[in-house]
Amino acid sequence: MRLFLCEKPSQARDIAAVLGATQKADGCLRGNGTIVTWGFGHLLEQAAPEAYDPAYKRWSLETLPIIPANWQLDVKKDGRKQFGVIRKLLKEASQVVVATDADREGEMIAREILEQCRYRSQVDRLWLSALNPESIRRALANLLPGDATYPLYQAGLGRSRADWLVGMNMTRAYTLLAQKQGYEGVLSVGRVQTPTLRLI
């Protein structure tokens, strides 16, 4: 079975219409031997520090820096049902066509699902710059091998993990140091947020 994995429902509907997969099912569209399913953007998120060690639940300078040896992802609460649908479909799929947005984040959204579900069969990439029927047909006729866009996933992972490392470690460090000076709130530090605020 061939499974198309899209980033969002509207994208899935446009692609499914061209594929003739118009039969509605739970969390997917079916037809012509093809199934089209979708996420809602990122269905997975980086695990909280305490997932790695319960000691990290308490903020302490002694536990910093927190650097996971093996990164973990959690399914977002509002995405659990759809993630379950996708996981079940992946067990039946002999081919997955990644049909998320043609960028680093789109690649990551699909690949982290495939990794979390331990999908190991064929992966191809539908590379789209527009969602009109003509563009979809042209992209379907020129599917890329999954390896061609895999480096985008690696770039997305690097960005995501850098965000986590800076956010979790620096927010805790600055907050704890500020509390020693009498500050009572949380000083949020972000890899992008903090330099951007400084520029403004």
Protein backbone atom coordinates (compact mmCIF):
# COMPACT_ATOMS: atom_id res chain seq x y z
CA MET A 1 0.00 0.00 0.00
CA ARG A 2 1.22 3.49 -0.90
CA LEU A 3 0.78 6.12 1.81
CA PHE A 4 1.09 9.87 1.30
CA LEU A 5 2.03 11.74 4.46
CA CYS A 6 1.00 15.40 4.38
CA GLU A 7 1.61 18.23 6.80
CA LYS A 8 -1.98 19.38 7.24
CA PRO A 9 -5.53 18.39 6.20
CA SER A 10 -5.95 21.05 3.49
CA GLN A 11 -2.75 19.93 1.77
CA ALA A 12 -3.91 16.31 2.00
CA ARG A 13 -7.28 17.14 0.39
CA ASP A 14 -5.62 18.86 -2.57
CA ILE A 15 -3.21 16.00 -3.21
CA ALA A 16 -5.85 13.31 -2.61
CA ALA A 17 -8.19 14.94 -5.15
CA VAL A 18 -5.55 14.57 -7.89
CA LEU A 19 -4.79 10.98 -6.81
CA GLY A 20 -8.48 10.05 -6.81
CA ALA A 21 -8.36 9.22 -3.10
CA THR A 22 -11.69 10.77 -2.21
CA GLN A 23 -13.18 8.19 0.15
CA LYS A 24 -13.20 9.62 3.68
CA ALA A 25 -11.94 7.43 6.52
CA ASP A 26 -10.73 8.01 10.06
CA GLY A 27 -7.83 10.48 9.75
CA CYS A 28 -7.20 9.75 6.07
CA LEU A 29 -8.56 9.68 2.53
CA ARG A 30 -8.57 6.48 0.44
CA GLY A 31 -8.92 5.51 -3.20
CA ASN A 32 -7.12 3.97 -6.20
CA GLY A 33 -4.91 1.84 -3.96
CA THR A 34 -3.58 4.94 -2.23
CA ILE A 35 -4.10 6.44 1.22
CA VAL A 36 -3.45 10.08 2.06
CA THR A 37 -3.05 11.07 5.70
CA TRP A 38 -1.85 14.17 7.53
CA GLY A 39 -0.44 15.74 10.63
CA PHE A 40 -1.37 19.07 12.17
CA GLY A 41 2.08 20.55 11.76
CA HIS A 42 4.37 18.95 14.34
CA LEU A 43 2.64 16.00 16.03
CA LEU A 44 5.79 15.39 18.07
CA GLU A 45 7.72 17.67 20.41
CA GLN A 46 11.01 17.50 22.28
CA ALA A 47 10.66 15.72 25.61
CA ALA A 48 10.95 17.82 28.78
CA PRO A 49 14.19 17.55 30.81
CA GLU A 50 12.52 15.41 33.49
CA ALA A 51 11.85 12.74 30.85
CA TYR A 52 15.61 12.13 30.83
CA ASP A 53 16.07 12.22 34.59
CA PRO A 54 13.48 12.94 37.32
CA ALA A 55 16.13 15.07 39.06
CA TYR A 56 15.77 17.66 36.27
CA LYS A 57 12.25 18.50 37.40
CA ARG A 58 13.80 20.68 40.11
CA TRP A 59 15.69 23.64 38.68
CA SER A 60 19.25 23.68 39.97
CA LEU A 61 22.54 25.14 38.70
CA GLU A 62 24.26 21.90 39.72
CA THR A 63 22.34 19.91 37.07
CA LEU A 64 23.30 22.25 34.20
CA PRO A 65 23.99 21.86 31.41
CA ILE A 66 21.36 19.28 30.47
CA ILE A 67 22.59 17.53 27.33
CA PRO A 68 20.59 14.42 26.34
CA ALA A 69 22.64 11.43 25.23
CA ASN A 70 19.65 9.98 23.36
CA TRP A 71 17.04 12.51 22.30
CA GLN A 72 13.40 11.72 23.03
CA LEU A 73 10.19 12.96 21.46
CA ASP A 74 6.69 13.00 22.93
CA VAL A 75 3.41 12.98 21.02
CA LYS A 76 1.57 16.25 21.59
CA LYS A 77 -1.63 15.80 23.59
CA ASP A 78 -3.86 17.28 20.89
CA GLY A 79 -2.24 15.08 18.22
CA ARG A 80 -2.43 11.66 19.90
CA LYS A 81 -5.44 10.39 17.97
CA GLN A 82 -4.03 11.37 14.57
CA PHE A 83 -0.59 10.03 15.46
CA GLY A 84 -2.24 6.70 16.28
CA VAL A 85 -3.94 6.69 12.87
CA ILE A 86 -0.65 7.37 11.10
CA ARG A 87 1.23 4.74 13.11
CA LYS A 88 -1.38 2.11 12.17
CA LEU A 89 -1.24 3.09 8.50
CA LEU A 90 2.57 2.94 8.47
CA LYS A 91 2.43 -0.69 9.59
CA GLU A 92 0.50 -1.51 6.40
CA ALA A 93 2.47 0.72 4.02
CA SER A 94 5.05 -0.65 1.59
CA GLN A 95 5.85 2.85 0.32
CA VAL A 96 5.57 6.26 1.98
CA VAL A 97 5.56 9.43 -0.05
CA VAL A 98 6.55 12.41 2.09
CA ALA A 99 4.20 15.16 0.88
CA THR A 100 4.77 17.80 3.56
CA ASP A 101 5.87 21.37 2.74
CA ALA A 102 9.00 21.57 0.61
CA ASP A 103 11.31 22.98 3.27
CA ARG A 104 13.35 22.02 6.32
CA GLU A 105 10.41 22.05 8.74
CA GLY A 106 8.17 20.09 6.39
CA GLU A 107 10.83 17.44 6.00
CA MET A 108 11.29 17.24 9.74
CA ILE A 109 7.56 16.94 10.45
CA ALA A 110 7.34 13.81 8.30
CA ARG A 111 10.69 12.23 9.12
CA GLU A 112 10.30 12.48 12.88
CA ILE A 113 7.00 10.59 12.55
CA LEU A 114 8.67 7.92 10.41
CA GLU A 115 11.52 7.61 12.93
CA GLN A 116 9.21 7.49 15.95
CA CYS A 117 7.16 4.73 14.30
CA ARG A 118 10.31 2.90 13.15
CA TYR A 119 9.18 2.84 9.53
CA ARG A 120 11.91 1.17 7.43
CA SER A 121 10.40 0.55 3.98
CA GLN A 122 10.58 2.69 0.85
CA VAL A 123 10.41 6.48 1.21
CA ASP A 124 9.95 8.88 -1.69
CA ARG A 125 9.48 12.65 -1.74
CA LEU A 126 6.76 14.68 -3.42
CA TRP A 127 8.40 18.07 -3.94
CA LEU A 128 5.75 20.73 -4.45
CA SER A 129 5.98 24.49 -4.79
CA ALA A 130 2.22 24.94 -5.29
CA LEU A 131 -0.94 22.94 -4.58
CA ASN A 132 -2.86 23.47 -7.82
CA PRO A 133 -3.72 20.27 -9.76
CA GLU A 134 -1.17 20.91 -12.52
CA SER A 135 1.71 21.35 -10.05
CA ILE A 136 0.65 18.25 -8.13
CA ARG A 137 0.49 16.14 -11.30
CA ARG A 138 3.92 17.36 -12.40
CA ALA A 139 5.42 16.54 -8.98
CA LEU A 140 3.76 13.10 -8.92
CA ALA A 141 5.40 12.32 -12.27
CA ASN A 142 8.79 13.29 -10.82
CA LEU A 143 8.95 11.79 -7.34
CA LEU A 144 12.33 12.18 -5.69
CA PRO A 145 14.05 9.35 -3.80
CA GLY A 146 13.84 9.85 -0.05
CA ASP A 147 17.63 10.18 0.24
CA ALA A 148 17.54 13.34 -1.90
CA THR A 149 15.88 15.44 0.80
CA TYR A 150 17.05 13.59 3.93
CA PRO A 151 19.71 16.27 4.66
CA LEU A 152 16.86 18.75 5.20
CA TYR A 153 15.67 16.53 8.05
CA GLN A 154 19.15 16.60 9.56
CA ALA A 155 19.16 20.40 9.33
CA GLY A 156 15.75 20.51 11.01
CA LEU A 157 16.99 18.26 13.81
CA GLY A 158 19.98 20.52 14.35
CA ARG A 159 17.74 23.57 14.61
CA SER A 160 15.28 21.85 16.95
CA ARG A 161 17.95 20.50 19.28
CA ALA A 162 19.82 23.81 19.36
CA ASP A 163 16.56 25.54 20.34
CA TRP A 164 16.01 23.00 23.13
CA LEU A 165 19.57 23.19 24.46
CA VAL A 166 19.62 26.99 24.55
CA GLY A 167 16.08 27.35 25.84
CA MET A 168 16.18 24.74 28.58
CA ASN A 169 19.69 25.42 29.84
CA MET A 170 19.92 29.19 29.51
CA THR A 171 16.40 29.86 30.80
CA ARG A 172 17.15 27.84 33.91
CA ALA A 173 20.59 29.38 34.39
CA TYR A 174 19.47 33.00 33.99
CA THR A 175 16.35 32.47 36.10
CA LEU A 176 18.26 30.82 38.96
CA LEU A 177 20.97 33.49 38.92
CA ALA A 178 18.35 36.24 38.86
CA GLN A 179 16.46 34.65 41.76
CA LYS A 180 19.66 34.88 43.83
CA GLN A 181 19.43 38.64 43.24
CA GLY A 182 15.78 38.76 44.37
CA TYR A 183 14.02 38.37 41.01
CA GLU A 184 10.81 36.32 41.33
CA GLY A 185 9.84 35.51 37.73
CA VAL A 186 11.22 33.33 34.94
CA LEU A 187 13.76 34.82 32.52
CA SER A 188 12.98 33.12 29.23
CA VAL A 189 15.98 32.76 26.92
CA GLY A 190 15.64 31.53 23.33
CA ARG A 191 18.10 30.89 20.51
CA VAL A 192 16.13 33.19 18.18
CA GLN A 193 13.91 35.07 20.61
CA THR A 194 16.65 36.63 22.73
CA PRO A 195 18.88 38.08 19.95
CA THR A 196 15.78 39.28 18.09
CA LEU A 197 14.50 41.12 21.16
CA ARG A 198 17.97 42.62 21.62
CA LEU A 199 17.93 43.91 18.02
CA ILE A 200 14.51 45.46 18.55
